[in-house]
Amino acid sequence: MSRTIAIGDIHGCRAALVGLLEAISVAADDTLVPLGDYVDRGPDSKGVLEQLIALQDACRLIPILGNHDQLMLEAREGPEAFSNWLDSKGRSTLESYGAAADLADVPDAHFAFLEHCLAYWQSATHLFLHANYDPPRPLEETDPQTLRWLSLRDYLPPERHCSGKTAVVGHTPQDDVLDRGYLLGLDTGVCKGGWLTAWEVRSGEIWQVDAEGRLRTPS
């Protein structure tokens, strides 16, 4: 039976992504929804993007654009945007392409992948987005600042989205999965000594690995 699986913020931790995919045992009829922030902070953003691009041939991949991914795309717009990206932990991403790399060393395919990421995606029962939502406002009317940047620490929606669907988000790192019933937060800080988390919609099964790709076992 096909599965729909959301994956929290990866942040350049390729070994964690590889370990997580092995634990999940991805099948061709699975739908995987990584929630954004594929780059920055961790040591191998290049490897993460390569892994995600390859994953498109292994399953149905629906990638969401994160704020760090947006900054990487905007870095091509000029010196100020480039400097802003580097100041926002983008330097680790650039270094993953080589010690003396610049934007010209980033393959066009990597930028193309990020350009085709979605602002959000909806299933029959769930909303998948990077950061946050405004309960009374349809997602198509929600501003990018909310969808991509608004932390749950600054605003935790007090109720379910007007669509009636459960929201699944990343962006705001926490020690473990945040489960409010109407909202799940899956950023569990893999690049900060925490976990990379995946969650399956129908069964509620959770997989977690550390930055080295080691599966978390129940305590």
Protein backbone atom coordinates (compact mmCIF):
# COMPACT_ATOMS: atom_id res chain seq x y z
CA MET A 1 0.00 0.00 0.00
CA SER A 2 1.35 3.42 -0.94
CA ARG A 3 2.45 5.80 1.80
CA THR A 4 2.68 9.57 2.18
CA ILE A 5 5.75 10.51 4.23
CA ALA A 6 6.84 13.98 5.32
CA ILE A 7 10.49 14.70 6.13
CA GLY A 8 11.69 17.55 8.35
CA ASP A 9 14.49 20.03 7.71
CA ILE A 10 17.65 18.33 6.35
CA HIS A 11 20.04 21.33 6.40
CA GLY A 12 22.94 19.83 4.49
CA CYS A 13 23.07 16.55 6.47
CA ARG A 14 23.36 14.07 3.61
CA ALA A 15 24.36 11.12 5.82
CA ALA A 16 21.19 11.64 7.84
CA LEU A 17 19.05 11.74 4.70
CA VAL A 18 20.64 8.55 3.36
CA GLY A 19 20.13 6.77 6.69
CA LEU A 20 16.53 7.93 6.88
CA LEU A 21 15.72 6.75 3.36
CA GLU A 22 17.21 3.36 4.17
CA ALA A 23 15.08 3.12 7.31
CA ILE A 24 11.94 4.08 5.39
CA SER A 25 12.67 1.63 2.53
CA VAL A 26 11.22 3.96 -0.09
CA ALA A 27 8.99 2.27 -2.67
CA ALA A 28 8.05 3.53 -6.14
CA ASP A 29 4.44 4.21 -5.15
CA ASP A 30 5.36 6.21 -2.03
CA THR A 31 4.83 9.98 -1.91
CA LEU A 32 7.66 11.77 -0.09
CA VAL A 33 7.20 15.38 0.96
CA PRO A 34 10.42 16.95 2.27
CA LEU A 35 9.41 20.17 4.01
CA GLY A 36 12.27 22.42 2.87
CA ASP A 37 15.61 23.76 4.10
CA TYR A 38 17.70 21.24 2.22
CA VAL A 39 20.78 23.49 2.31
CA ASP A 40 22.91 25.52 4.76
CA ARG A 41 24.30 24.76 8.22
CA GLY A 42 25.28 21.10 7.64
CA PRO A 43 28.41 19.83 5.84
CA ASP A 44 27.03 18.46 2.54
CA SER A 45 24.25 20.51 0.99
CA LYS A 46 25.56 19.53 -2.43
CA GLY A 47 25.10 15.85 -1.53
CA VAL A 48 21.61 16.48 -0.17
CA LEU A 49 20.48 18.12 -3.41
CA GLU A 50 22.03 15.31 -5.46
CA GLN A 51 20.23 12.75 -3.30
CA LEU A 52 16.88 14.51 -3.67
CA ILE A 53 17.27 14.88 -7.43
CA ALA A 54 18.01 11.16 -7.73
CA LEU A 55 15.04 10.38 -5.48
CA GLN A 56 12.69 11.80 -8.12
CA ASP A 57 13.23 8.59 -10.11
CA ALA A 58 12.59 6.32 -7.10
CA CYS A 59 9.21 7.61 -5.87
CA ARG A 60 6.78 10.51 -6.13
CA LEU A 61 8.74 13.41 -4.65
CA ILE A 62 6.95 16.64 -3.73
CA PRO A 63 9.60 19.04 -2.35
CA ILE A 64 8.59 22.18 -0.47
CA LEU A 65 10.75 25.31 -0.64
CA GLY A 66 12.29 26.45 2.66
CA ASN A 67 13.59 29.89 3.59
CA HIS A 68 17.24 28.78 3.30
CA ASP A 69 16.53 27.33 -0.14
CA GLN A 70 14.97 30.64 -1.11
CA LEU A 71 18.07 32.51 0.08
CA MET A 72 20.27 30.27 -2.07
CA LEU A 73 18.14 31.02 -5.12
CA GLU A 74 18.19 34.76 -4.39
CA ALA A 75 21.99 34.72 -3.98
CA ARG A 76 22.25 34.89 -7.79
CA GLU A 77 20.54 38.29 -7.86
CA GLY A 78 23.58 40.35 -6.87
CA PRO A 79 26.31 41.02 -4.30
CA GLU A 80 23.92 42.07 -1.52
CA ALA A 81 21.75 38.97 -1.88
CA PHE A 82 24.85 36.77 -2.11
CA SER A 83 26.27 38.29 1.08
CA ASN A 84 22.92 37.87 2.83
CA TRP A 85 22.92 34.16 1.96
CA LEU A 86 26.47 33.68 3.23
CA ASP A 87 25.57 35.47 6.46
CA SER A 88 22.59 33.12 6.86
CA LYS A 89 24.78 29.97 7.03
CA GLY A 90 25.10 29.72 3.26
CA ARG A 91 28.88 29.55 3.41
CA SER A 92 28.74 25.89 4.45
CA THR A 93 26.62 25.18 1.38
CA LEU A 94 29.05 26.91 -0.97
CA GLU A 95 32.00 25.08 0.60
CA SER A 96 30.30 21.74 -0.09
CA TYR A 97 30.96 22.45 -3.80
CA GLY A 98 34.66 23.00 -3.14
CA ALA A 99 36.93 24.94 -0.80
CA ALA A 100 37.17 27.87 -3.24
CA ALA A 101 33.76 27.46 -4.86
CA ASP A 102 31.52 30.28 -6.01
CA LEU A 103 28.00 30.29 -7.43
CA ALA A 104 29.30 29.30 -10.85
CA ASP A 105 30.33 25.95 -9.37
CA VAL A 106 26.74 25.10 -8.39
CA PRO A 107 25.24 22.92 -11.16
CA ASP A 108 22.27 24.36 -13.02
CA ALA A 109 20.35 21.21 -12.09
CA HIS A 110 20.60 22.11 -8.40
CA PHE A 111 19.15 25.56 -8.93
CA ALA A 112 16.49 24.08 -11.23
CA PHE A 113 15.46 21.63 -8.51
CA LEU A 114 14.99 24.45 -6.00
CA GLU A 115 13.15 26.58 -8.56
CA HIS A 116 10.58 23.82 -9.01
CA CYS A 117 9.93 23.32 -5.29
CA LEU A 118 6.43 24.20 -4.14
CA ALA A 119 5.31 26.81 -1.62
CA TYR A 120 2.96 24.17 -0.14
CA TRP A 121 1.13 20.98 -1.03
CA GLN A 122 -2.21 19.56 0.09
CA SER A 123 -3.46 16.00 0.33
CA ALA A 124 -7.07 15.12 1.07
CA THR A 125 -6.41 15.41 4.80
CA HIS A 126 -3.18 17.35 5.35
CA LEU A 127 -1.35 20.56 4.48
CA PHE A 128 2.40 20.41 3.96
CA LEU A 129 4.37 23.65 4.18
CA HIS A 130 7.70 24.86 5.48
CA ALA A 131 6.99 27.27 8.31
CA ASN A 132 3.52 28.42 9.32
CA TYR A 133 -0.05 29.32 8.39
CA ASP A 134 -2.80 31.80 9.22
CA PRO A 135 -5.85 29.77 10.37
CA PRO A 136 -8.60 31.77 8.57
CA ARG A 137 -6.66 32.36 5.36
CA PRO A 138 -6.52 29.87 2.44
CA LEU A 139 -2.96 28.85 1.62
CA GLU A 140 -3.16 30.33 -1.87
CA GLU A 141 -3.82 33.72 -0.22
CA THR A 142 -1.11 33.36 2.43
CA ASP A 143 1.99 35.52 2.10
CA PRO A 144 5.42 33.90 1.56
CA GLN A 145 6.73 35.41 4.80
CA THR A 146 4.25 33.30 6.78
CA LEU A 147 4.63 30.16 4.69
CA ARG A 148 8.43 30.22 4.67
CA TRP A 149 9.74 32.34 7.56
CA LEU A 150 7.31 32.68 10.48
CA SER A 151 8.58 30.66 13.43
CA LEU A 152 6.21 28.68 15.64
CA ARG A 153 7.99 30.40 18.54
CA ASP A 154 6.75 33.75 17.29
CA TYR A 155 3.28 32.50 16.40
CA LEU A 156 1.82 29.10 17.21
CA PRO A 157 -1.56 28.84 15.44
CA PRO A 158 -4.21 28.34 18.13
CA GLU A 159 -6.49 26.30 15.93
CA ARG A 160 -6.84 24.16 12.83
CA HIS A 161 -6.51 25.71 9.40
CA CYS A 162 -9.77 26.83 7.77
CA SER A 163 -9.49 23.94 5.31
CA GLY A 164 -10.09 21.55 8.19
CA LYS A 165 -6.82 19.78 7.35
CA THR A 166 -3.93 19.01 9.68
CA ALA A 167 -0.80 21.10 9.01
CA VAL A 168 2.61 19.44 8.78
CA VAL A 169 5.50 21.91 9.04
CA GLY A 170 9.24 22.20 9.58
CA HIS A 171 11.34 25.35 10.09
CA THR A 172 11.14 25.67 13.91
CA PRO A 173 13.64 23.27 15.52
CA GLN A 174 12.63 21.52 18.72
CA ASP A 175 13.84 18.56 20.75
CA ASP A 176 11.20 16.22 19.38
CA VAL A 177 8.09 16.17 17.20
CA LEU A 178 5.59 18.86 18.12
CA ASP A 179 2.09 17.37 18.03
CA ARG A 180 -0.82 19.74 18.66
CA GLY A 181 -3.36 17.46 17.00
CA TYR A 182 -4.12 19.99 14.28
CA LEU A 183 -0.42 20.75 13.65
CA LEU A 184 2.75 18.65 13.53
CA GLY A 185 6.22 20.19 13.64
CA LEU A 186 8.90 17.88 12.21
CA ASP A 187 12.08 19.97 12.45
CA THR A 188 13.97 18.17 15.22
CA GLY A 189 17.33 19.86 14.73
CA VAL A 190 19.47 17.26 12.96
CA CYS A 191 22.23 19.79 12.26
CA LYS A 192 22.28 20.84 15.93
CA GLY A 193 22.79 17.45 17.52
CA GLY A 194 19.15 16.38 17.17
CA TRP A 195 17.34 14.19 14.68
CA LEU A 196 16.11 14.08 11.11
CA THR A 197 12.48 13.02 11.35
CA ALA A 198 10.08 11.39 8.91
CA TRP A 199 6.37 10.82 9.60
CA GLU A 200 3.89 8.68 7.68
CA VAL A 201 0.41 10.16 7.35
CA ARG A 202 -1.84 7.14 7.56
CA SER A 203 -0.08 5.01 10.18
CA GLY A 204 1.55 7.79 12.19
CA GLU A 205 4.84 5.86 12.09
CA ILE A 206 7.91 7.96 12.86
CA TRP A 207 11.53 7.36 11.87
CA GLN A 208 14.41 9.40 13.28
CA VAL A 209 18.15 9.34 12.56
CA ASP A 210 21.04 11.44 13.81
CA ALA A 211 23.44 13.44 11.65
CA GLU A 212 25.48 10.30 10.96
CA GLY A 213 22.39 8.41 9.78
CA ARG A 214 22.06 6.20 12.86
CA LEU A 215 18.50 5.16 13.58
CA ARG A 216 17.05 6.28 16.90
CA THR A 217 15.85 3.38 19.03
CA PRO A 218 13.09 3.75 21.64
CA SER A 219 14.47 4.47 25.12
